[in-house]
């Protein structure tokens, strides 16, 4: 199934959904350690392996983290070749003074924002979707 590439359609159809729970980004030294944690996401970098997992998982594993996030999924099936969706979402959240970390997966884009800003972020994203265009 091919994902959507038209930015206007992506914005109108993105239907942001907040996932249950609290999530954190942690650093571990090896892929094997990361996989053993059963995280939602693993990304290898030169400095170490980043994992995204629940706060509860990180606490059980005694892993340090700096920010607790809410996880928002843009439910539209965006193509990996789509241009502008991440920029539009980042711009809208920036204008609302909300930091975000974006993870693009095969079907959807996932936005991680500080838990304290989750409600405001959902409102910003829903407004962006309703307007269906970038200002």
Protein backbone atom coordinates (compact mmCIF):
# COMPACT_ATOMS: atom_id res chain seq x y z
CA UNK A 1 0.00 0.00 0.00
CA UNK A 2 1.45 3.33 -1.09
CA UNK A 3 1.39 6.26 1.34
CA UNK A 4 0.04 9.74 0.65
CA UNK A 5 2.41 12.41 -0.72
CA UNK A 6 0.10 15.43 -1.19
CA UNK A 7 0.82 17.82 1.71
CA UNK A 8 -2.66 19.38 1.79
CA UNK A 9 -4.27 15.93 1.95
CA UNK A 10 -1.78 14.78 4.58
CA UNK A 11 -2.58 17.78 6.77
CA UNK A 12 -6.35 17.41 6.41
CA UNK A 13 -6.25 13.67 7.06
CA UNK A 14 -3.53 13.47 9.71
CA UNK A 15 -5.98 12.91 12.62
CA UNK A 16 -3.53 13.15 15.53
CA UNK A 17 -4.09 10.52 18.22
CA UNK A 18 -2.49 10.63 21.65
CA UNK A 19 -1.32 7.21 22.76
CA UNK A 20 -1.73 6.13 26.36
CA UNK A 21 1.23 6.38 28.71
CA UNK A 22 4.43 8.31 29.27
CA UNK A 23 7.54 7.78 27.16
CA UNK A 24 11.23 8.58 27.49
CA UNK A 25 14.36 8.58 25.33
CA UNK A 26 17.32 6.76 26.89
CA UNK A 27 20.83 5.91 25.80
CA UNK A 28 22.34 2.42 26.12
CA UNK A 29 25.73 1.14 25.02
CA UNK A 30 24.76 -1.78 22.77
CA UNK A 31 22.08 -2.95 20.40
CA UNK A 32 21.76 -6.17 22.42
CA UNK A 33 21.01 -4.18 25.59
CA UNK A 34 18.52 -2.06 23.65
CA UNK A 35 16.72 -5.10 22.20
CA UNK A 36 16.52 -6.73 25.63
CA UNK A 37 14.54 -3.72 26.88
CA UNK A 38 11.80 -4.37 24.28
CA UNK A 39 11.47 -0.65 23.41
CA UNK A 40 9.10 0.95 20.90
CA UNK A 41 12.03 2.28 18.91
CA UNK A 42 15.78 1.67 18.60
CA UNK A 43 18.15 3.99 16.75
CA UNK A 44 21.90 3.46 16.47
CA UNK A 45 24.17 6.50 16.65
CA UNK A 46 27.95 6.79 16.91
CA UNK A 47 27.68 7.76 20.59
CA UNK A 48 25.38 4.92 21.61
CA UNK A 49 21.99 3.38 21.01
CA UNK A 50 18.88 5.46 21.62
CA UNK A 51 15.76 3.67 22.82
CA UNK A 52 12.25 5.03 23.18
CA UNK A 53 10.33 3.16 25.83
CA UNK A 54 7.77 3.72 28.54
CA UNK A 55 8.84 5.67 31.58
CA UNK A 56 7.93 2.61 33.65
CA UNK A 57 10.30 0.40 31.61
CA UNK A 58 13.12 2.93 32.02
CA UNK A 59 12.50 3.18 35.76
CA UNK A 60 12.58 -0.61 36.19
CA UNK A 61 15.86 -0.74 34.23
CA UNK A 62 17.27 2.25 36.21
CA UNK A 63 17.92 4.16 32.97
CA UNK A 64 18.31 7.93 33.21
CA UNK A 65 16.21 10.28 31.06
CA UNK A 66 15.77 14.03 30.87
CA UNK A 67 12.20 14.55 29.69
CA UNK A 68 8.95 12.61 29.96
CA UNK A 69 6.95 12.68 26.75
CA UNK A 70 3.51 12.06 25.41
CA UNK A 71 3.36 10.10 22.14
CA UNK A 72 1.10 11.46 19.40
CA UNK A 73 0.58 9.46 16.21
CA UNK A 74 -0.46 11.17 12.99
CA UNK A 75 -2.81 8.44 11.79
CA UNK A 76 -2.67 9.31 8.07
CA UNK A 77 -0.57 6.87 6.03
CA UNK A 78 2.18 9.21 4.91
CA UNK A 79 4.64 8.19 2.23
CA UNK A 80 8.30 8.09 3.17
CA UNK A 81 8.73 10.36 0.13
CA UNK A 82 6.18 12.95 1.26
CA UNK A 83 7.55 16.47 1.46
CA UNK A 84 6.58 18.99 4.13
CA UNK A 85 4.51 17.13 6.73
CA UNK A 86 7.25 17.02 9.34
CA UNK A 87 8.14 20.65 8.63
CA UNK A 88 4.50 21.79 8.92
CA UNK A 89 3.99 19.95 12.21
CA UNK A 90 7.30 21.16 13.64
CA UNK A 91 6.54 24.74 12.58
CA UNK A 92 3.09 24.71 14.17
CA UNK A 93 4.44 23.28 17.43
CA UNK A 94 7.39 25.70 17.40
CA UNK A 95 5.01 28.65 17.07
CA UNK A 96 3.18 27.31 20.15
CA UNK A 97 6.54 27.02 22.00
CA UNK A 98 6.31 23.22 22.20
CA UNK A 99 9.41 21.10 21.65
CA UNK A 100 8.93 17.94 19.63
CA UNK A 101 10.83 14.90 18.49
CA UNK A 102 9.55 13.29 15.31
CA UNK A 103 9.97 9.65 14.37
CA UNK A 104 8.86 8.62 10.90
CA UNK A 105 7.92 4.97 10.49
CA UNK A 106 6.60 3.12 7.43
CA UNK A 107 2.93 4.04 7.84
CA UNK A 108 2.82 7.00 10.20
CA UNK A 109 4.72 9.89 11.72
CA UNK A 110 5.02 9.91 15.50
CA UNK A 111 5.48 13.06 17.55
CA UNK A 112 6.90 13.05 21.07
CA UNK A 113 6.20 16.19 23.14
CA UNK A 114 6.71 16.95 26.83
CA UNK A 115 3.79 15.52 28.83
CA UNK A 116 3.03 18.97 30.23
CA UNK A 117 2.41 20.24 26.67
CA UNK A 118 0.45 17.24 25.35
CA UNK A 119 -3.02 18.83 25.52
CA UNK A 120 -1.81 22.03 23.90
CA UNK A 121 0.05 20.03 21.22
CA UNK A 122 -3.09 18.07 20.38
CA UNK A 123 -5.03 21.33 20.01
CA UNK A 124 -2.34 22.80 17.75
CA UNK A 125 -2.26 19.67 15.56
CA UNK A 126 -6.04 19.42 15.36
CA UNK A 127 -6.21 23.07 14.30
CA UNK A 128 -3.51 22.50 11.67
CA UNK A 129 -5.47 19.53 10.36
CA UNK A 130 -8.73 21.49 10.27
CA UNK A 131 -7.11 24.34 8.34
CA UNK A 132 -5.38 21.81 6.07
CA UNK A 133 -2.60 24.15 5.04
CA UNK A 134 0.63 25.70 6.26
CA UNK A 135 0.58 29.39 7.08
